[in-house]
């Protein structure tokens, strides 16, 4: 019948519209890589931190904070885009061995704020016996 064909056509058009809708319309910035990495164990505090996402982020509306085990904030430089507009970078001063937490807040391309974090460990290099 005509009604059944119209319903099938509407359903087909709806499915087709969602199939070709840009993926970014539903996405948020997700961390796809960092240096140091999540749960990394390093022998000294890196001189910089890099966070890379799956889409460009707005650097002036983003923050990154590094804290030690006591909750003390480690001062970092002003955030800048890395080699790619999907990456953020900042320099980090030397710091003692311990567990560090990185917390970030970024404004993704779709206008959503994404907050998350991870930890890494600095262990002093042990002398070889």
PDB file of N, CA and C in Angstrom:
ATOM      1  N   UNK A   1       0.843  -1.183   0.000  1.00  0.00           N
ATOM      2  CA  UNK A   1       0.000   0.000   0.000  1.00  0.00           C
ATOM      3  C   UNK A   1       0.886   1.243   0.000  1.00  0.00           C
ATOM      4  N   UNK A   2       0.254   2.363  -0.312  1.00  0.00           N
ATOM      5  CA  UNK A   2       0.972   3.635  -0.374  1.00  0.00           C
ATOM      6  C   UNK A   2       1.498   4.022   1.007  1.00  0.00           C
ATOM      7  N   UNK A   3       0.678   3.824   2.062  1.00  0.00           N
ATOM      8  CA  UNK A   3       1.104   4.172   3.420  1.00  0.00           C
ATOM      9  C   UNK A   3       2.318   3.348   3.848  1.00  0.00           C
ATOM     10  N   UNK A   4       2.297   2.067   3.512  1.00  0.00           N
ATOM     11  CA  UNK A   4       3.391   1.187   3.879  1.00  0.00           C
ATOM     12  C   UNK A   4       4.677   1.592   3.146  1.00  0.00           C
ATOM     13  N   UNK A   5       4.574   1.949   1.873  1.00  0.00           N
ATOM     14  CA  UNK A   5       5.742   2.379   1.098  1.00  0.00           C
ATOM     15  C   UNK A   5       6.304   3.694   1.633  1.00  0.00           C
ATOM     16  N   UNK A   6       5.390   4.636   2.035  1.00  0.00           N
ATOM     17  CA  UNK A   6       5.848   5.909   2.601  1.00  0.00           C
ATOM     18  C   UNK A   6       6.576   5.672   3.923  1.00  0.00           C
ATOM     19  N   UNK A   7       6.049   4.776   4.737  1.00  0.00           N
ATOM     20  CA  UNK A   7       6.671   4.455   6.026  1.00  0.00           C
ATOM     21  C   UNK A   7       8.048   3.836   5.794  1.00  0.00           C
ATOM     22  N   UNK A   8       8.157   2.912   4.848  1.00  0.00           N
ATOM     23  CA  UNK A   8       9.439   2.279   4.535  1.00  0.00           C
ATOM     24  C   UNK A   8      10.430   3.297   4.005  1.00  0.00           C
ATOM     25  N   UNK A   9       9.978   4.218   3.180  1.00  0.00           N
ATOM     26  CA  UNK A   9      10.847   5.249   2.635  1.00  0.00           C
ATOM     27  C   UNK A   9      11.346   6.173   3.749  1.00  0.00           C
ATOM     28  N   UNK A  10      10.459   6.554   4.669  1.00  0.00           N
ATOM     29  CA  UNK A  10      10.865   7.405   5.796  1.00  0.00           C
ATOM     30  C   UNK A  10      11.885   6.687   6.677  1.00  0.00           C
ATOM     31  N   UNK A  11      11.651   5.433   6.933  1.00  0.00           N
ATOM     32  CA  UNK A  11      12.583   4.653   7.749  1.00  0.00           C
ATOM     33  C   UNK A  11      13.942   4.565   7.057  1.00  0.00           C
ATOM     34  N   UNK A  12      13.933   4.288   5.769  1.00  0.00           N
ATOM     35  CA  UNK A  12      15.171   4.188   5.004  1.00  0.00           C
ATOM     36  C   UNK A  12      15.929   5.520   5.011  1.00  0.00           C
ATOM     37  N   UNK A  13      15.220   6.630   4.824  1.00  0.00           N
ATOM     38  CA  UNK A  13      15.861   7.945   4.833  1.00  0.00           C
ATOM     39  C   UNK A  13      16.441   8.286   6.204  1.00  0.00           C
ATOM     40  N   UNK A  14      15.730   7.913   7.256  1.00  0.00           N
ATOM     41  CA  UNK A  14      16.226   8.165   8.615  1.00  0.00           C
ATOM     42  C   UNK A  14      17.500   7.375   8.871  1.00  0.00           C
ATOM     43  N   UNK A  15      17.503   6.107   8.539  1.00  0.00           N
ATOM     44  CA  UNK A  15      18.686   5.266   8.715  1.00  0.00           C
ATOM     45  C   UNK A  15      19.841   5.799   7.877  1.00  0.00           C
ATOM     46  N   UNK A  16      19.571   6.202   6.644  1.00  0.00           N
ATOM     47  CA  UNK A  16      20.618   6.736   5.772  1.00  0.00           C
ATOM     48  C   UNK A  16      21.192   8.035   6.328  1.00  0.00           C
ATOM     49  N   UNK A  17      20.335   8.879   6.875  1.00  0.00           N
ATOM     50  CA  UNK A  17      20.801  10.152   7.440  1.00  0.00           C
ATOM     51  C   UNK A  17      21.762   9.900   8.592  1.00  0.00           C
ATOM     52  N   UNK A  18      21.448   8.957   9.486  1.00  0.00           N
ATOM     53  CA  UNK A  18      22.339   8.655  10.602  1.00  0.00           C
ATOM     54  C   UNK A  18      23.621   7.971  10.128  1.00  0.00           C
ATOM     55  N   UNK A  19      23.534   7.220   9.064  1.00  0.00           N
ATOM     56  CA  UNK A  19      24.718   6.522   8.556  1.00  0.00           C
ATOM     57  C   UNK A  19      25.734   7.503   7.971  1.00  0.00           C
ATOM     58  N   UNK A  20      25.265   8.571   7.362  1.00  0.00           N
ATOM     59  CA  UNK A  20      26.187   9.528   6.744  1.00  0.00           C
ATOM     60  C   UNK A  20      26.448  10.747   7.616  1.00  0.00           C
ATOM     61  N   UNK A  21      25.764  10.861   8.758  1.00  0.00           N
ATOM     62  CA  UNK A  21      25.982  11.984   9.675  1.00  0.00           C
ATOM     63  C   UNK A  21      27.436  11.956  10.132  1.00  0.00           C
ATOM     64  N   UNK A  22      28.105  13.082  10.157  1.00  0.00           N
ATOM     65  CA  UNK A  22      29.521  13.072  10.560  1.00  0.00           C
ATOM     66  C   UNK A  22      29.709  12.482  11.951  1.00  0.00           C
ATOM     67  N   UNK A  23      30.747  11.661  12.083  1.00  0.00           N
ATOM     68  CA  UNK A  23      31.030  11.032  13.372  1.00  0.00           C
ATOM     69  C   UNK A  23      31.294  12.048  14.467  1.00  0.00           C
ATOM     70  N   UNK A  24      31.869  13.194  14.113  1.00  0.00           N
ATOM     71  CA  UNK A  24      32.197  14.178  15.136  1.00  0.00           C
ATOM     72  C   UNK A  24      30.966  14.782  15.777  1.00  0.00           C
ATOM     73  N   UNK A  25      29.814  14.638  15.165  1.00  0.00           N
ATOM     74  CA  UNK A  25      28.608  15.221  15.742  1.00  0.00           C
ATOM     75  C   UNK A  25      28.263  14.581  17.083  1.00  0.00           C
ATOM     76  N   UNK A  26      28.724  13.365  17.318  1.00  0.00           N
ATOM     77  CA  UNK A  26      28.411  12.664  18.549  1.00  0.00           C
ATOM     78  C   UNK A  26      29.642  12.439  19.428  1.00  0.00           C
ATOM     79  N   UNK A  27      30.795  12.909  18.993  1.00  0.00           N
ATOM     80  CA  UNK A  27      32.034  12.598  19.695  1.00  0.00           C
ATOM     81  C   UNK A  27      32.429  13.689  20.682  1.00  0.00           C
ATOM     82  N   UNK A  28      33.242  13.308  21.634  1.00  0.00           N
ATOM     83  CA  UNK A  28      33.884  14.240  22.548  1.00  0.00           C
ATOM     84  C   UNK A  28      35.380  13.980  22.428  1.00  0.00           C
ATOM     85  N   UNK A  29      36.164  14.957  22.850  1.00  0.00           N
ATOM     86  CA  UNK A  29      37.619  14.765  22.808  1.00  0.00           C
ATOM     87  C   UNK A  29      38.003  13.637  23.760  1.00  0.00           C
ATOM     88  N   UNK A  30      38.698  12.671  23.238  1.00  0.00           N
ATOM     89  CA  UNK A  30      39.176  11.548  24.046  1.00  0.00           C
ATOM     90  C   UNK A  30      40.695  11.528  23.984  1.00  0.00           C
ATOM     91  N   UNK A  31      41.322  11.316  25.121  1.00  0.00           N
ATOM     92  CA  UNK A  31      42.769  11.224  25.171  1.00  0.00           C
ATOM     93  C   UNK A  31      43.203   9.960  24.432  1.00  0.00           C
ATOM     94  N   UNK A  32      44.072  10.131  23.429  1.00  0.00           N
ATOM     95  CA  UNK A  32      44.542   8.974  22.665  1.00  0.00           C
ATOM     96  C   UNK A  32      46.023   8.697  22.898  1.00  0.00           C
ATOM     97  N   UNK A  33      46.699   9.623  23.570  1.00  0.00           N
ATOM     98  CA  UNK A  33      48.106   9.403  23.869  1.00  0.00           C
ATOM     99  C   UNK A  33      48.629  10.482  24.793  1.00  0.00           C
ATOM    100  N   UNK A  34      49.621  10.126  25.588  1.00  0.00           N
ATOM    101  CA  UNK A  34      50.234  11.112  26.480  1.00  0.00           C
ATOM    102  C   UNK A  34      51.668  10.720  26.758  1.00  0.00           C
ATOM    103  N   UNK A  35      52.446  11.718  27.137  1.00  0.00           N
ATOM    104  CA  UNK A  35      53.812  11.499  27.571  1.00  0.00           C
ATOM    105  C   UNK A  35      54.032  12.365  28.796  1.00  0.00           C
ATOM    106  N   UNK A  36      54.246  11.774  29.967  1.00  0.00           N
ATOM    107  CA  UNK A  36      54.296  10.341  30.212  1.00  0.00           C
ATOM    108  C   UNK A  36      52.909   9.706  30.070  1.00  0.00           C
ATOM    109  N   UNK A  37      52.886   8.435  29.851  1.00  0.00           N
ATOM    110  CA  UNK A  37      51.635   7.725  29.680  1.00  0.00           C
ATOM    111  C   UNK A  37      50.966   7.386  30.999  1.00  0.00           C
ATOM    112  N   UNK A  38      49.703   7.042  30.906  1.00  0.00           N
ATOM    113  CA  UNK A  38      48.952   6.599  32.073  1.00  0.00           C
ATOM    114  C   UNK A  38      49.625   5.361  32.664  1.00  0.00           C
ATOM    115  N   UNK A  39      49.862   5.377  33.973  1.00  0.00           N
ATOM    116  CA  UNK A  39      50.501   4.290  34.723  1.00  0.00           C
ATOM    117  C   UNK A  39      51.966   4.053  34.349  1.00  0.00           C
ATOM    118  N   UNK A  40      52.570   5.015  33.638  1.00  0.00           N
ATOM    119  CA  UNK A  40      53.983   4.875  33.270  1.00  0.00           C
ATOM    120  C   UNK A  40      54.853   4.938  34.520  1.00  0.00           C
ATOM    121  N   UNK A  41      55.992   4.269  34.446  1.00  0.00           N
ATOM    122  CA  UNK A  41      57.008   4.352  35.499  1.00  0.00           C
ATOM    123  C   UNK A  41      58.259   4.897  34.814  1.00  0.00           C
ATOM    124  N   UNK A  42      58.708   6.073  35.275  1.00  0.00           N
ATOM    125  CA  UNK A  42      59.857   6.740  34.673  1.00  0.00           C
ATOM    126  C   UNK A  42      60.934   6.955  35.733  1.00  0.00           C
ATOM    127  N   UNK A  43      62.182   7.160  35.295  1.00  0.00           N
ATOM    128  CA  UNK A  43      63.293   7.297  36.239  1.00  0.00           C
ATOM    129  C   UNK A  43      63.530   8.743  36.680  1.00  0.00           C
ATOM    130  N   UNK A  44      62.885   9.692  36.041  1.00  0.00           N
ATOM    131  CA  UNK A  44      62.967  11.095  36.445  1.00  0.00           C
ATOM    132  C   UNK A  44      61.729  11.828  35.914  1.00  0.00           C
ATOM    133  N   UNK A  45      61.417  12.947  36.526  1.00  0.00           N
ATOM    134  CA  UNK A  45      60.270  13.736  36.075  1.00  0.00           C
ATOM    135  C   UNK A  45      60.553  14.208  34.647  1.00  0.00           C
ATOM    136  N   UNK A  46      59.648  13.943  33.712  1.00  0.00           N
ATOM    137  CA  UNK A  46      59.856  14.418  32.341  1.00  0.00           C
ATOM    138  C   UNK A  46      59.933  15.948  32.324  1.00  0.00           C
ATOM    139  N   UNK A  47      60.658  16.496  31.361  1.00  0.00           N
ATOM    140  CA  UNK A  47      60.765  17.958  31.300  1.00  0.00           C
ATOM    141  C   UNK A  47      59.559  18.607  30.642  1.00  0.00           C
ATOM    142  N   UNK A  48      58.666  17.785  30.109  1.00  0.00           N
ATOM    143  CA  UNK A  48      57.419  18.319  29.548  1.00  0.00           C
ATOM    144  C   UNK A  48      56.340  17.240  29.599  1.00  0.00           C
ATOM    145  N   UNK A  49      55.107  17.685  29.496  1.00  0.00           N
ATOM    146  CA  UNK A  49      53.971  16.767  29.428  1.00  0.00           C
ATOM    147  C   UNK A  49      53.243  17.047  28.122  1.00  0.00           C
ATOM    148  N   UNK A  50      52.837  15.993  27.450  1.00  0.00           N
ATOM    149  CA  UNK A  50      52.095  16.107  26.197  1.00  0.00           C
ATOM    150  C   UNK A  50      50.826  15.276  26.308  1.00  0.00           C
ATOM    151  N   UNK A  51      49.715  15.863  25.921  1.00  0.00           N
ATOM    152  CA  UNK A  51      48.434  15.165  25.887  1.00  0.00           C
ATOM    153  C   UNK A  51      47.870  15.302  24.483  1.00  0.00           C
ATOM    154  N   UNK A  52      47.541  14.195  23.846  1.00  0.00           N
ATOM    155  CA  UNK A  52      46.986  14.224  22.489  1.00  0.00           C
ATOM    156  C   UNK A  52      45.597  13.596  22.488  1.00  0.00           C
ATOM    157  N   UNK A  53      44.692  14.247  21.779  1.00  0.00           N
ATOM    158  CA  UNK A  53      43.286  13.852  21.740  1.00  0.00           C
ATOM    159  C   UNK A  53      42.887  13.431  20.331  1.00  0.00           C
ATOM    160  N   UNK A  54      41.698  12.886  20.213  1.00  0.00           N
ATOM    161  CA  UNK A  54      41.231  12.398  18.915  1.00  0.00           C
ATOM    162  C   UNK A  54      40.648  13.510  18.042  1.00  0.00           C
ATOM    163  N   UNK A  55      40.594  14.721  18.557  1.00  0.00           N
ATOM    164  CA  UNK A  55      40.113  15.868  17.784  1.00  0.00           C
ATOM    165  C   UNK A  55      40.763  17.123  18.350  1.00  0.00           C
ATOM    166  N   UNK A  56      40.776  18.207  17.589  1.00  0.00           N
ATOM    167  CA  UNK A  56      41.373  19.445  18.100  1.00  0.00           C
ATOM    168  C   UNK A  56      40.673  19.925  19.367  1.00  0.00           C
ATOM    169  N   UNK A  57      41.468  20.525  20.266  1.00  0.00           N
ATOM    170  CA  UNK A  57      40.941  21.087  21.505  1.00  0.00           C
ATOM    171  C   UNK A  57      41.324  22.562  21.567  1.00  0.00           C
ATOM    172  N   UNK A  58      40.534  23.319  22.300  1.00  0.00           N
ATOM    173  CA  UNK A  58      40.767  24.754  22.452  1.00  0.00           C
ATOM    174  C   UNK A  58      41.762  24.974  23.590  1.00  0.00           C
ATOM    175  N   UNK A  59      42.982  25.368  23.264  1.00  0.00           N
ATOM    176  CA  UNK A  59      44.024  25.508  24.279  1.00  0.00           C
ATOM    177  C   UNK A  59      43.679  26.577  25.312  1.00  0.00           C
ATOM    178  N   UNK A  60      43.054  27.678  24.892  1.00  0.00           N
ATOM    179  CA  UNK A  60      42.799  28.744  25.869  1.00  0.00           C
ATOM    180  C   UNK A  60      41.656  28.417  26.826  1.00  0.00           C
ATOM    181  N   UNK A  61      40.903  27.363  26.551  1.00  0.00           N
ATOM    182  CA  UNK A  61      39.837  26.933  27.454  1.00  0.00           C
ATOM    183  C   UNK A  61      40.165  25.583  28.100  1.00  0.00           C
ATOM    184  N   UNK A  62      41.438  25.222  28.086  1.00  0.00           N
ATOM    185  CA  UNK A  62      41.873  23.933  28.626  1.00  0.00           C
ATOM    186  C   UNK A  62      42.827  24.144  29.794  1.00  0.00           C
ATOM    187  N   UNK A  63      42.843  23.185  30.718  1.00  0.00           N
ATOM    188  CA  UNK A  63      43.768  23.236  31.851  1.00  0.00           C
ATOM    189  C   UNK A  63      44.363  21.851  32.081  1.00  0.00           C
ATOM    190  N   UNK A  64      45.576  21.847  32.587  1.00  0.00           N
ATOM    191  CA  UNK A  64      46.250  20.616  32.991  1.00  0.00           C
ATOM    192  C   UNK A  64      46.887  20.897  34.343  1.00  0.00           C
ATOM    193  N   UNK A  65      46.726  19.970  35.269  1.00  0.00           N
ATOM    194  CA  UNK A  65      47.297  20.117  36.599  1.00  0.00           C
ATOM    195  C   UNK A  65      48.010  18.817  36.960  1.00  0.00           C
ATOM    196  N   UNK A  66      49.201  18.951  37.528  1.00  0.00           N
ATOM    197  CA  UNK A  66      49.946  17.798  38.025  1.00  0.00           C
ATOM    198  C   UNK A  66      50.093  17.981  39.528  1.00  0.00           C
ATOM    199  N   UNK A  67      49.742  16.939  40.291  1.00  0.00           N
ATOM    200  CA  UNK A  67      49.889  16.992  41.744  1.00  0.00           C
ATOM    201  C   UNK A  67      50.687  15.781  42.215  1.00  0.00           C
ATOM    202  N   UNK A  68      51.369  15.977  43.352  1.00  0.00           N
ATOM    203  CA  UNK A  68      52.121  14.869  43.927  1.00  0.00           C
ATOM    204  C   UNK A  68      51.231  14.089  44.893  1.00  0.00           C
ATOM    205  N   UNK A  69      51.832  13.128  45.595  1.00  0.00           N
ATOM    206  CA  UNK A  69      51.076  12.260  46.508  1.00  0.00           C
ATOM    207  C   UNK A  69      50.411  13.017  47.646  1.00  0.00           C
ATOM    208  N   UNK A  70      50.965  14.167  48.009  1.00  0.00           N
ATOM    209  CA  UNK A  70      50.408  14.970  49.093  1.00  0.00           C
ATOM    210  C   UNK A  70      49.342  15.949  48.603  1.00  0.00           C
ATOM    211  N   UNK A  71      49.136  15.993  47.285  1.00  0.00           N
ATOM    212  CA  UNK A  71      48.158  16.925  46.725  1.00  0.00           C
ATOM    213  C   UNK A  71      48.743  18.272  46.360  1.00  0.00           C
ATOM    214  N   UNK A  72      50.063  18.404  46.490  1.00  0.00           N
ATOM    215  CA  UNK A  72      50.738  19.655  46.139  1.00  0.00           C
ATOM    216  C   UNK A  72      50.821  19.777  44.621  1.00  0.00           C
ATOM    217  N   UNK A  73      50.433  20.933  44.114  1.00  0.00           N
ATOM    218  CA  UNK A  73      50.473  21.166  42.674  1.00  0.00           C
ATOM    219  C   UNK A  73      51.894  21.432  42.212  1.00  0.00           C
ATOM    220  N   UNK A  74      52.288  20.766  41.151  1.00  0.00           N
ATOM    221  CA  UNK A  74      53.584  20.985  40.515  1.00  0.00           C
ATOM    222  C   UNK A  74      53.373  22.078  39.470  1.00  0.00           C
ATOM    223  N   UNK A  75      54.101  23.183  39.561  1.00  0.00           N
ATOM    224  CA  UNK A  75      53.873  24.276  38.595  1.00  0.00           C
ATOM    225  C   UNK A  75      54.340  23.864  37.193  1.00  0.00           C
ATOM    226  N   UNK A  76      53.500  24.114  36.219  1.00  0.00           N
ATOM    227  CA  UNK A  76      53.873  23.837  34.829  1.00  0.00           C
ATOM    228  C   UNK A  76      53.751  25.139  34.035  1.00  0.00           C
ATOM    229  N   UNK A  77      54.356  25.153  32.863  1.00  0.00           N
ATOM    230  CA  UNK A  77      54.289  26.347  32.018  1.00  0.00           C
ATOM    231  C   UNK A  77      52.884  26.499  31.433  1.00  0.00           C
ATOM    232  N   UNK A  78      52.708  27.592  30.751  1.00  0.00           N
ATOM    233  CA  UNK A  78      51.445  27.828  30.052  1.00  0.00           C
ATOM    234  C   UNK A  78      51.242  26.739  29.006  1.00  0.00           C
ATOM    235  N   UNK A  79      50.006  26.254  28.901  1.00  0.00           N
ATOM    236  CA  UNK A  79      49.699  25.235  27.889  1.00  0.00           C
ATOM    237  C   UNK A  79      49.814  25.813  26.498  1.00  0.00           C
ATOM    238  N   UNK A  80      50.337  25.000  25.592  1.00  0.00           N
ATOM    239  CA  UNK A  80      50.428  25.382  24.186  1.00  0.00           C
ATOM    240  C   UNK A  80      50.016  24.178  23.356  1.00  0.00           C
ATOM    241  N   UNK A  81      49.635  24.452  22.116  1.00  0.00           N
ATOM    242  CA  UNK A  81      49.403  23.334  21.202  1.00  0.00           C
ATOM    243  C   UNK A  81      50.750  22.695  20.914  1.00  0.00           C
ATOM    244  N   UNK A  82      50.732  21.384  20.803  1.00  0.00           N
ATOM    245  CA  UNK A  82      51.943  20.661  20.433  1.00  0.00           C
ATOM    246  C   UNK A  82      52.143  20.780  18.929  1.00  0.00           C
ATOM    247  N   UNK A  83      52.729  19.770  18.338  1.00  0.00           N
ATOM    248  CA  UNK A  83      52.973  19.754  16.899  1.00  0.00           C
ATOM    249  C   UNK A  83      51.669  19.659  16.111  1.00  0.00           C
ATOM    250  N   UNK A  84      50.587  19.371  16.791  1.00  0.00           N
ATOM    251  CA  UNK A  84      49.285  19.134  16.169  1.00  0.00           C
ATOM    252  C   UNK A  84      48.237  19.862  17.009  1.00  0.00           C
ATOM    253  N   UNK A  85      47.182  20.442  16.396  1.00  0.00           N
ATOM    254  CA  UNK A  85      46.147  21.114  17.191  1.00  0.00           C
ATOM    255  C   UNK A  85      45.344  20.153  18.072  1.00  0.00           C
ATOM    256  N   UNK A  86      45.588  18.862  17.922  1.00  0.00           N
ATOM    257  CA  UNK A  86      44.944  17.864  18.775  1.00  0.00           C
ATOM    258  C   UNK A  86      45.754  17.626  20.055  1.00  0.00           C
ATOM    259  N   UNK A  87      46.945  18.226  20.129  1.00  0.00           N
ATOM    260  CA  UNK A  87      47.846  17.976  21.258  1.00  0.00           C
ATOM    261  C   UNK A  87      48.086  19.239  22.077  1.00  0.00           C
ATOM    262  N   UNK A  88      48.214  19.046  23.391  1.00  0.00           N
ATOM    263  CA  UNK A  88      48.572  20.110  24.318  1.00  0.00           C
ATOM    264  C   UNK A  88      49.917  19.762  24.925  1.00  0.00           C
ATOM    265  N   UNK A  89      50.721  20.785  25.218  1.00  0.00           N
ATOM    266  CA  UNK A  89      52.050  20.554  25.762  1.00  0.00           C
ATOM    267  C   UNK A  89      52.381  21.633  26.787  1.00  0.00           C
ATOM    268  N   UNK A  90      53.164  21.257  27.807  1.00  0.00           N
ATOM    269  CA  UNK A  90      53.647  22.205  28.810  1.00  0.00           C
ATOM    270  C   UNK A  90      54.961  21.686  29.370  1.00  0.00           C
ATOM    271  N   UNK A  91      55.831  22.602  29.783  1.00  0.00           N
ATOM    272  CA  UNK A  91      57.074  22.181  30.413  1.00  0.00           C
ATOM    273  C   UNK A  91      56.829  21.938  31.900  1.00  0.00           C
ATOM    274  N   UNK A  92      57.614  21.020  32.447  1.00  0.00           N
ATOM    275  CA  UNK A  92      57.464  20.588  33.839  1.00  0.00           C
ATOM    276  C   UNK A  92      58.827  20.699  34.521  1.00  0.00           C
ATOM    277  N   UNK A  93      58.872  21.241  35.748  1.00  0.00           N
ATOM    278  CA  UNK A  93      60.162  21.325  36.451  1.00  0.00           C
ATOM    279  C   UNK A  93      60.564  19.969  37.023  1.00  0.00           C
ATOM    280  N   UNK A  94      61.840  19.817  37.391  1.00  0.00           N
ATOM    281  CA  UNK A  94      62.268  18.580  38.051  1.00  0.00           C
ATOM    282  C   UNK A  94      61.483  18.376  39.344  1.00  0.00           C
ATOM    283  N   UNK A  95      61.261  17.130  39.697  1.00  0.00           N
ATOM    284  CA  UNK A  95      60.545  16.809  40.939  1.00  0.00           C
ATOM    285  C   UNK A  95      61.049  15.472  41.468  1.00  0.00           C
ATOM    286  N   UNK A  96      60.819  15.255  42.735  1.00  0.00           N
ATOM    287  CA  UNK A  96      61.293  14.049  43.422  1.00  0.00           C
ATOM    288  C   UNK A  96      60.530  12.804  42.970  1.00  0.00           C
ATOM    289  N   UNK A  97      61.052  11.666  43.369  1.00  0.00           N
ATOM    290  CA  UNK A  97      60.371  10.398  43.096  1.00  0.00           C
ATOM    291  C   UNK A  97      59.021  10.389  43.809  1.00  0.00           C
ATOM    292  N   UNK A  98      58.062   9.697  43.211  1.00  0.00           N
ATOM    293  CA  UNK A  98      56.741   9.600  43.813  1.00  0.00           C
ATOM    294  C   UNK A  98      55.677   9.321  42.765  1.00  0.00           C
ATOM    295  N   UNK A  99      54.443   9.283  43.219  1.00  0.00           N
ATOM    296  CA  UNK A  99      53.296   9.055  42.325  1.00  0.00           C
ATOM    297  C   UNK A  99      52.676  10.414  42.036  1.00  0.00           C
ATOM    298  N   UNK A 100      52.473  10.689  40.762  1.00  0.00           N
ATOM    299  CA  UNK A 100      51.919  11.965  40.330  1.00  0.00           C
ATOM    300  C   UNK A 100      50.593  11.749  39.609  1.00  0.00           C
ATOM    301  N   UNK A 101      49.680  12.686  39.832  1.00  0.00           N
ATOM    302  CA  UNK A 101      48.372  12.636  39.188  1.00  0.00           C
ATOM    303  C   UNK A 101      48.268  13.791  38.202  1.00  0.00           C
ATOM    304  N   UNK A 102      47.852  13.476  36.993  1.00  0.00           N
ATOM    305  CA  UNK A 102      47.604  14.478  35.962  1.00  0.00           C
ATOM    306  C   UNK A 102      46.097  14.593  35.810  1.00  0.00           C
ATOM    307  N   UNK A 103      45.584  15.802  35.963  1.00  0.00           N
ATOM    308  CA  UNK A 103      44.160  16.050  35.723  1.00  0.00           C
ATOM    309  C   UNK A 103      44.060  17.063  34.608  1.00  0.00           C
ATOM    310  N   UNK A 104      43.176  16.786  33.659  1.00  0.00           N
ATOM    311  CA  UNK A 104      42.994  17.739  32.568  1.00  0.00           C
ATOM    312  C   UNK A 104      41.518  18.040  32.360  1.00  0.00           C
ATOM    313  N   UNK A 105      41.303  19.219  31.836  1.00  0.00           N
ATOM    314  CA  UNK A 105      39.964  19.688  31.461  1.00  0.00           C
ATOM    315  C   UNK A 105      40.147  20.356  30.117  1.00  0.00           C
ATOM    316  N   UNK A 106      39.487  19.829  29.084  1.00  0.00           N
ATOM    317  CA  UNK A 106      39.627  20.397  27.744  1.00  0.00           C
ATOM    318  C   UNK A 106      38.254  20.687  27.144  1.00  0.00           C
ATOM    319  N   UNK A 107      38.230  21.696  26.306  1.00  0.00           N
ATOM    320  CA  UNK A 107      37.025  22.016  25.551  1.00  0.00           C
ATOM    321  C   UNK A 107      37.168  21.360  24.190  1.00  0.00           C
ATOM    322  N   UNK A 108      36.283  20.410  23.903  1.00  0.00           N
ATOM    323  CA  UNK A 108      36.387  19.684  22.645  1.00  0.00           C
ATOM    324  C   UNK A 108      35.750  20.472  21.515  1.00  0.00           C
ATOM    325  N   UNK A 109      36.014  20.031  20.316  1.00  0.00           N
ATOM    326  CA  UNK A 109      35.549  20.691  19.106  1.00  0.00           C
ATOM    327  C   UNK A 109      34.026  20.819  19.071  1.00  0.00           C
ATOM    328  N   UNK A 110      33.330  19.862  19.675  1.00  0.00           N
ATOM    329  CA  UNK A 110      31.870  19.900  19.653  1.00  0.00           C
ATOM    330  C   UNK A 110      31.287  20.771  20.761  1.00  0.00           C
ATOM    331  N   UNK A 111      32.155  21.451  21.525  1.00  0.00           N
ATOM    332  CA  UNK A 111      31.686  22.364  22.554  1.00  0.00           C
ATOM    333  C   UNK A 111      31.511  21.738  23.921  1.00  0.00           C
ATOM    334  N   UNK A 112      31.814  20.464  24.062  1.00  0.00           N
ATOM    335  CA  UNK A 112      31.685  19.795  25.350  1.00  0.00           C
ATOM    336  C   UNK A 112      32.997  19.850  26.127  1.00  0.00           C
ATOM    337  N   UNK A 113      32.877  20.003  27.430  1.00  0.00           N
ATOM    338  CA  UNK A 113      34.037  19.971  28.305  1.00  0.00           C
ATOM    339  C   UNK A 113      34.276  18.525  28.725  1.00  0.00           C
ATOM    340  N   UNK A 114      35.513  18.106  28.620  1.00  0.00           N
ATOM    341  CA  UNK A 114      35.906  16.752  29.010  1.00  0.00           C
ATOM    342  C   UNK A 114      36.914  16.871  30.148  1.00  0.00           C
ATOM    343  N   UNK A 115      36.642  16.175  31.264  1.00  0.00           N
ATOM    344  CA  UNK A 115      37.539  16.171  32.424  1.00  0.00           C
ATOM    345  C   UNK A 115      37.938  14.726  32.718  1.00  0.00           C
ATOM    346  N   UNK A 116      39.213  14.533  32.938  1.00  0.00           N
ATOM    347  CA  UNK A 116      39.678  13.198  33.261  1.00  0.00           C
ATOM    348  C   UNK A 116      41.084  13.295  33.844  1.00  0.00           C
ATOM    349  N   UNK A 117      41.683  12.192  34.156  1.00  0.00           N
ATOM    350  CA  UNK A 117      43.028  12.208  34.691  1.00  0.00           C
ATOM    351  C   UNK A 117      43.655  10.832  34.689  1.00  0.00           C
ATOM    352  N   UNK A 118      44.922  10.799  35.068  1.00  0.00           N
ATOM    353  CA  UNK A 118      45.651   9.542  35.156  1.00  0.00           C
ATOM    354  C   UNK A 118      46.856   9.758  36.062  1.00  0.00           C
ATOM    355  N   UNK A 119      47.524   8.669  36.404  1.00  0.00           N
ATOM    356  CA  UNK A 119      48.704   8.740  37.252  1.00  0.00           C
ATOM    357  C   UNK A 119      49.923   8.156  36.547  1.00  0.00           C
ATOM    358  N   UNK A 120      51.087   8.639  36.974  1.00  0.00           N
ATOM    359  CA  UNK A 120      52.350   8.035  36.562  1.00  0.00           C
ATOM    360  C   UNK A 120      53.286   8.082  37.766  1.00  0.00           C
ATOM    361  N   UNK A 121      54.332   7.282  37.722  1.00  0.00           N
ATOM    362  CA  UNK A 121      55.253   7.162  38.848  1.00  0.00           C
ATOM    363  C   UNK A 121      56.663   7.537  38.428  1.00  0.00           C
ATOM    364  N   UNK A 122      57.325   8.318  39.280  1.00  0.00           N
ATOM    365  CA  UNK A 122      58.744   8.615  39.105  1.00  0.00           C
ATOM    366  C   UNK A 122      59.481   7.795  40.149  1.00  0.00           C
ATOM    367  N   UNK A 123      60.363   6.909  39.691  1.00  0.00           N
ATOM    368  CA  UNK A 123      61.182   6.086  40.594  1.00  0.00           C
ATOM    369  C   UNK A 123      62.630   6.432  40.366  1.00  0.00           C
ATOM    370  N   UNK A 124      63.349   6.581  41.458  1.00  0.00           N
ATOM    371  CA  UNK A 124      64.768   6.855  41.324  1.00  0.00           C
ATOM    372  C   UNK A 124      65.454   5.654  40.702  1.00  0.00           C
ATOM    373  N   UNK A 125      66.385   5.947  39.851  1.00  0.00           N
ATOM    374  CA  UNK A 125      67.165   4.877  39.203  1.00  0.00           C
ATOM    375  C   UNK A 125      68.011   4.182  40.263  1.00  0.00           C
ATOM    376  N   UNK A 126      67.885   2.876  40.330  1.00  0.00           N
ATOM    377  CA  UNK A 126      68.654   2.085  41.296  1.00  0.00           C
ATOM    378  C   UNK A 126      70.016   1.762  40.721  1.00  0.00           C
ATOM    379  N   UNK A 127      71.061   1.888  41.533  1.00  0.00           N
ATOM    380  CA  UNK A 127      72.401   1.538  41.028  1.00  0.00           C
ATOM    381  C   UNK A 127      72.473   0.050  40.690  1.00  0.00           C
ATOM    382  N   UNK A 128      73.193  -0.246  39.663  1.00  0.00           N
ATOM    383  CA  UNK A 128      73.388  -1.644  39.268  1.00  0.00           C
ATOM    384  C   UNK A 128      74.449  -2.252  40.182  1.00  0.00           C
ATOM    385  N   UNK A 129      74.149  -3.404  40.837  1.00  0.00           N
ATOM    386  CA  UNK A 129      75.139  -4.005  41.769  1.00  0.00           C
ATOM    387  C   UNK A 129      76.348  -4.544  41.038  1.00  0.00           C
TER     388      UNK A 129
END
